[in-house]
Amino acid sequence: MKDVIWNAVSFVAVVALALAYETGAVAAGNAFFGLFAVLVLYTAKQLLTHENELLGEAFKGLFTRPQSHGTMASYVSYLGMTALGSVVMAQVVLVS
């Protein structure tokens, strides 16, 4: 149950920060920091499930092995958050 709550809160945070940046409600630097912090913490949480693997294999598993996330919703949530966060962070760096 904690994983479901963590996934939902993280996903909502990334979407809210992305929307706030795109509408101008949040400054570029604040959006970048917020998105980076959420993505790093969420990725670290996901990497804990791969603690007995090499780091490279663990990172590859985050994107290529859906069964390592526990549920398909967790996998899709991770991919969506990573994609949206990366696009907005790249936009902040390239535009600002």
N, C-alpha and C. Protein backbone atom coordinates (compact mmCIF):
# COMPACT_ATOMS: atom_id res chain seq x y z
N MET A 1 0.82 -1.20 0.00
CA MET A 1 0.00 0.00 0.00
C MET A 1 0.86 1.26 0.00
N LYS A 2 2.00 1.18 0.73
CA LYS A 2 2.89 2.34 0.74
C LYS A 2 3.43 2.65 -0.65
N ASP A 3 3.68 1.60 -1.42
CA ASP A 3 4.19 1.81 -2.78
C ASP A 3 3.17 2.53 -3.65
N VAL A 4 1.91 2.18 -3.50
CA VAL A 4 0.85 2.83 -4.28
C VAL A 4 0.78 4.31 -3.93
N ILE A 5 0.83 4.61 -2.65
CA ILE A 5 0.79 6.01 -2.21
C ILE A 5 2.02 6.76 -2.71
N TRP A 6 3.20 6.16 -2.57
CA TRP A 6 4.45 6.78 -3.03
C TRP A 6 4.41 7.04 -4.53
N ASN A 7 3.93 6.06 -5.30
CA ASN A 7 3.82 6.23 -6.76
C ASN A 7 2.87 7.37 -7.10
N ALA A 8 1.72 7.41 -6.45
CA ALA A 8 0.72 8.44 -6.74
C ALA A 8 1.23 9.83 -6.38
N VAL A 9 1.82 9.97 -5.20
CA VAL A 9 2.31 11.28 -4.76
C VAL A 9 3.43 11.76 -5.67
N SER A 10 4.34 10.88 -6.03
CA SER A 10 5.45 11.26 -6.91
C SER A 10 4.95 11.65 -8.29
N PHE A 11 4.03 10.88 -8.83
CA PHE A 11 3.49 11.18 -10.16
C PHE A 11 2.76 12.52 -10.16
N VAL A 12 1.94 12.74 -9.14
CA VAL A 12 1.21 14.01 -9.04
C VAL A 12 2.18 15.18 -8.89
N ALA A 13 3.25 15.00 -8.11
CA ALA A 13 4.24 16.06 -7.93
C ALA A 13 4.91 16.43 -9.25
N VAL A 14 5.30 15.43 -10.02
CA VAL A 14 5.96 15.70 -11.30
C VAL A 14 5.00 16.39 -12.27
N VAL A 15 3.78 15.90 -12.36
CA VAL A 15 2.80 16.50 -13.26
C VAL A 15 2.48 17.93 -12.82
N ALA A 16 2.31 18.15 -11.52
CA ALA A 16 2.00 19.49 -11.01
C ALA A 16 3.15 20.46 -11.28
N LEU A 17 4.38 20.02 -11.06
CA LEU A 17 5.53 20.89 -11.34
C LEU A 17 5.65 21.20 -12.83
N ALA A 18 5.42 20.20 -13.66
CA ALA A 18 5.48 20.42 -15.11
C ALA A 18 4.41 21.41 -15.56
N LEU A 19 3.20 21.23 -15.08
CA LEU A 19 2.12 22.15 -15.44
C LEU A 19 2.38 23.56 -14.89
N ALA A 20 2.88 23.64 -13.67
CA ALA A 20 3.17 24.94 -13.08
C ALA A 20 4.25 25.67 -13.87
N TYR A 21 5.27 24.94 -14.32
CA TYR A 21 6.32 25.58 -15.12
C TYR A 21 5.77 26.03 -16.48
N GLU A 22 5.01 25.17 -17.12
CA GLU A 22 4.49 25.49 -18.45
C GLU A 22 3.52 26.66 -18.43
N THR A 23 2.79 26.84 -17.33
CA THR A 23 1.85 27.96 -17.24
C THR A 23 2.50 29.22 -16.67
N GLY A 24 3.75 29.12 -16.25
CA GLY A 24 4.45 30.29 -15.73
C GLY A 24 4.26 30.53 -14.25
N ALA A 25 3.65 29.60 -13.54
CA ALA A 25 3.41 29.77 -12.11
C ALA A 25 4.66 29.49 -11.28
N VAL A 26 5.63 28.79 -11.85
CA VAL A 26 6.86 28.45 -11.14
C VAL A 26 8.04 28.90 -12.00
N ALA A 27 9.04 29.48 -11.37
CA ALA A 27 10.24 29.90 -12.08
C ALA A 27 10.99 28.68 -12.62
N ALA A 28 11.78 28.90 -13.65
CA ALA A 28 12.49 27.80 -14.31
C ALA A 28 13.41 27.05 -13.35
N GLY A 29 14.18 27.78 -12.56
CA GLY A 29 15.10 27.14 -11.62
C GLY A 29 14.38 26.32 -10.57
N ASN A 30 13.27 26.83 -10.08
CA ASN A 30 12.50 26.09 -9.08
C ASN A 30 11.89 24.83 -9.68
N ALA A 31 11.41 24.91 -10.90
CA ALA A 31 10.84 23.73 -11.56
C ALA A 31 11.92 22.68 -11.78
N PHE A 32 13.09 23.11 -12.23
CA PHE A 32 14.19 22.17 -12.46
C PHE A 32 14.58 21.48 -11.16
N PHE A 33 14.76 22.25 -10.10
CA PHE A 33 15.15 21.67 -8.82
C PHE A 33 14.09 20.71 -8.30
N GLY A 34 12.83 21.10 -8.36
CA GLY A 34 11.76 20.24 -7.87
C GLY A 34 11.66 18.94 -8.64
N LEU A 35 11.70 19.03 -9.96
CA LEU A 35 11.63 17.83 -10.79
C LEU A 35 12.84 16.93 -10.57
N PHE A 36 14.01 17.53 -10.51
CA PHE A 36 15.23 16.75 -10.29
C PHE A 36 15.17 16.03 -8.95
N ALA A 37 14.74 16.73 -7.91
CA ALA A 37 14.66 16.12 -6.58
C ALA A 37 13.68 14.95 -6.55
N VAL A 38 12.50 15.14 -7.13
CA VAL A 38 11.51 14.06 -7.13
C VAL A 38 12.01 12.87 -7.93
N LEU A 39 12.59 13.12 -9.10
CA LEU A 39 13.07 12.01 -9.93
C LEU A 39 14.23 11.27 -9.28
N VAL A 40 15.14 11.98 -8.64
CA VAL A 40 16.26 11.31 -7.97
C VAL A 40 15.77 10.46 -6.81
N LEU A 41 14.87 11.01 -5.99
CA LEU A 41 14.36 10.24 -4.86
C LEU A 41 13.55 9.03 -5.32
N TYR A 42 12.75 9.21 -6.35
CA TYR A 42 11.93 8.09 -6.84
C TYR A 42 12.81 7.02 -7.47
N THR A 43 13.83 7.43 -8.22
CA THR A 43 14.74 6.46 -8.82
C THR A 43 15.52 5.72 -7.74
N ALA A 44 15.95 6.43 -6.70
CA ALA A 44 16.65 5.78 -5.60
C ALA A 44 15.77 4.74 -4.93
N LYS A 45 14.49 5.06 -4.75
CA LYS A 45 13.56 4.10 -4.16
C LYS A 45 13.42 2.88 -5.05
N GLN A 46 13.35 3.09 -6.35
CA GLN A 46 13.23 1.96 -7.27
C GLN A 46 14.52 1.13 -7.29
N LEU A 47 15.67 1.77 -7.16
CA LEU A 47 16.94 1.04 -7.17
C LEU A 47 17.11 0.17 -5.93
N LEU A 48 16.44 0.51 -4.84
CA LEU A 48 16.52 -0.32 -3.64
C LEU A 48 15.99 -1.73 -3.88
N THR A 49 15.07 -1.87 -4.80
CA THR A 49 14.55 -3.20 -5.10
C THR A 49 15.55 -4.03 -5.90
N HIS A 50 16.60 -3.41 -6.41
CA HIS A 50 17.64 -4.08 -7.20
C HIS A 50 18.96 -4.11 -6.43
N GLU A 51 18.92 -4.18 -5.12
CA GLU A 51 20.14 -4.00 -4.33
C GLU A 51 21.18 -5.10 -4.52
N ASN A 52 20.80 -6.27 -5.00
CA ASN A 52 21.77 -7.35 -5.18
C ASN A 52 22.32 -7.41 -6.60
N GLU A 53 22.06 -6.39 -7.40
CA GLU A 53 22.54 -6.36 -8.78
C GLU A 53 23.63 -5.30 -8.93
N LEU A 54 24.38 -5.41 -10.00
CA LEU A 54 25.33 -4.35 -10.33
C LEU A 54 24.55 -3.10 -10.71
N LEU A 55 25.17 -1.93 -10.51
CA LEU A 55 24.46 -0.67 -10.74
C LEU A 55 23.98 -0.54 -12.19
N GLY A 56 24.81 -0.90 -13.14
CA GLY A 56 24.40 -0.82 -14.55
C GLY A 56 23.23 -1.72 -14.86
N GLU A 57 23.26 -2.93 -14.33
CA GLU A 57 22.14 -3.86 -14.54
C GLU A 57 20.88 -3.37 -13.86
N ALA A 58 21.03 -2.76 -12.70
CA ALA A 58 19.87 -2.23 -11.97
C ALA A 58 19.21 -1.10 -12.76
N PHE A 59 20.02 -0.17 -13.28
CA PHE A 59 19.46 0.93 -14.08
C PHE A 59 18.79 0.40 -15.34
N LYS A 60 19.43 -0.55 -16.00
CA LYS A 60 18.84 -1.13 -17.20
C LYS A 60 17.52 -1.83 -16.86
N GLY A 61 17.48 -2.48 -15.72
CA GLY A 61 16.27 -3.17 -15.30
C GLY A 61 15.10 -2.24 -15.01
N LEU A 62 15.41 -1.02 -14.59
CA LEU A 62 14.34 -0.06 -14.33
C LEU A 62 13.52 0.23 -15.58
N PHE A 63 14.17 0.19 -16.73
CA PHE A 63 13.51 0.54 -17.98
C PHE A 63 13.11 -0.67 -18.82
N THR A 64 13.78 -1.80 -18.64
CA THR A 64 13.55 -2.93 -19.54
C THR A 64 12.85 -4.12 -18.90
N ARG A 65 12.72 -4.15 -17.57
CA ARG A 65 12.08 -5.28 -16.90
C ARG A 65 10.88 -4.81 -16.08
N PRO A 66 9.71 -4.78 -16.66
CA PRO A 66 8.52 -4.32 -15.93
C PRO A 66 8.23 -5.15 -14.69
N GLN A 67 8.56 -6.44 -14.71
CA GLN A 67 8.26 -7.29 -13.57
C GLN A 67 9.08 -6.91 -12.33
N SER A 68 10.16 -6.17 -12.50
CA SER A 68 10.97 -5.78 -11.36
C SER A 68 10.33 -4.65 -10.55
N HIS A 69 9.29 -4.02 -11.08
CA HIS A 69 8.61 -2.93 -10.38
C HIS A 69 7.49 -3.41 -9.49
N GLY A 70 7.13 -4.64 -9.57
CA GLY A 70 6.04 -5.14 -8.75
C GLY A 70 4.71 -5.13 -9.48
N THR A 71 4.31 -3.96 -9.95
CA THR A 71 3.05 -3.86 -10.70
C THR A 71 3.30 -3.10 -11.99
N MET A 72 2.43 -3.32 -12.94
CA MET A 72 2.54 -2.60 -14.21
C MET A 72 2.29 -1.11 -14.01
N ALA A 73 1.42 -0.76 -13.06
CA ALA A 73 1.15 0.65 -12.79
C ALA A 73 2.41 1.35 -12.29
N SER A 74 3.19 0.68 -11.46
CA SER A 74 4.44 1.26 -10.97
C SER A 74 5.42 1.47 -12.11
N TYR A 75 5.49 0.50 -13.02
CA TYR A 75 6.39 0.60 -14.17
C TYR A 75 5.99 1.75 -15.09
N VAL A 76 4.71 1.83 -15.42
CA VAL A 76 4.22 2.90 -16.30
C VAL A 76 4.38 4.26 -15.62
N SER A 77 4.13 4.31 -14.32
CA SER A 77 4.30 5.55 -13.56
C SER A 77 5.75 6.01 -13.62
N TYR A 78 6.67 5.07 -13.44
CA TYR A 78 8.09 5.43 -13.48
C TYR A 78 8.50 5.94 -14.86
N LEU A 79 8.09 5.23 -15.90
CA LEU A 79 8.43 5.67 -17.26
C LEU A 79 7.82 7.03 -17.58
N GLY A 80 6.57 7.23 -17.20
CA GLY A 80 5.90 8.50 -17.46
C GLY A 80 6.55 9.65 -16.71
N MET A 81 6.86 9.42 -15.44
CA MET A 81 7.50 10.47 -14.65
C MET A 81 8.88 10.81 -15.19
N THR A 82 9.64 9.79 -15.54
CA THR A 82 10.98 10.02 -16.07
C THR A 82 10.92 10.78 -17.39
N ALA A 83 10.02 10.39 -18.26
CA ALA A 83 9.90 11.06 -19.56
C ALA A 83 9.46 12.51 -19.40
N LEU A 84 8.39 12.74 -18.65
CA LEU A 84 7.88 14.10 -18.47
C LEU A 84 8.90 14.98 -17.75
N GLY A 85 9.49 14.46 -16.69
CA GLY A 85 10.48 15.24 -15.95
C GLY A 85 11.69 15.57 -16.80
N SER A 86 12.15 14.61 -17.59
CA SER A 86 13.32 14.84 -18.45
C SER A 86 13.03 15.87 -19.53
N VAL A 87 11.85 15.80 -20.12
CA VAL A 87 11.49 16.77 -21.16
C VAL A 87 11.43 18.18 -20.59
N VAL A 88 10.80 18.34 -19.44
CA VAL A 88 10.68 19.67 -18.84
C VAL A 88 12.04 20.18 -18.38
N MET A 89 12.87 19.30 -17.79
CA MET A 89 14.20 19.74 -17.37
C MET A 89 15.05 20.14 -18.57
N ALA A 90 14.96 19.40 -19.66
CA ALA A 90 15.69 19.77 -20.88
C ALA A 90 15.19 21.10 -21.42
N GLN A 91 13.89 21.30 -21.36
CA GLN A 91 13.31 22.56 -21.81
C GLN A 91 13.82 23.72 -20.96
N VAL A 92 13.89 23.52 -19.65
CA VAL A 92 14.39 24.57 -18.76
C VAL A 92 15.83 24.91 -19.11
N VAL A 93 16.66 23.89 -19.32
CA VAL A 93 18.07 24.11 -19.60
C VAL A 93 18.26 24.78 -20.97
N LEU A 94 17.52 24.34 -21.97
CA LEU A 94 17.71 24.85 -23.32
C LEU A 94 17.06 26.20 -23.56
N VAL A 95 15.96 26.49 -22.90
CA VAL A 95 15.23 27.73 -23.14
C VAL A 95 15.68 28.84 -22.21
N SER A 96 15.90 28.51 -20.97
CA SER A 96 16.23 29.56 -19.98
C SER A 96 17.66 29.99 -20.04
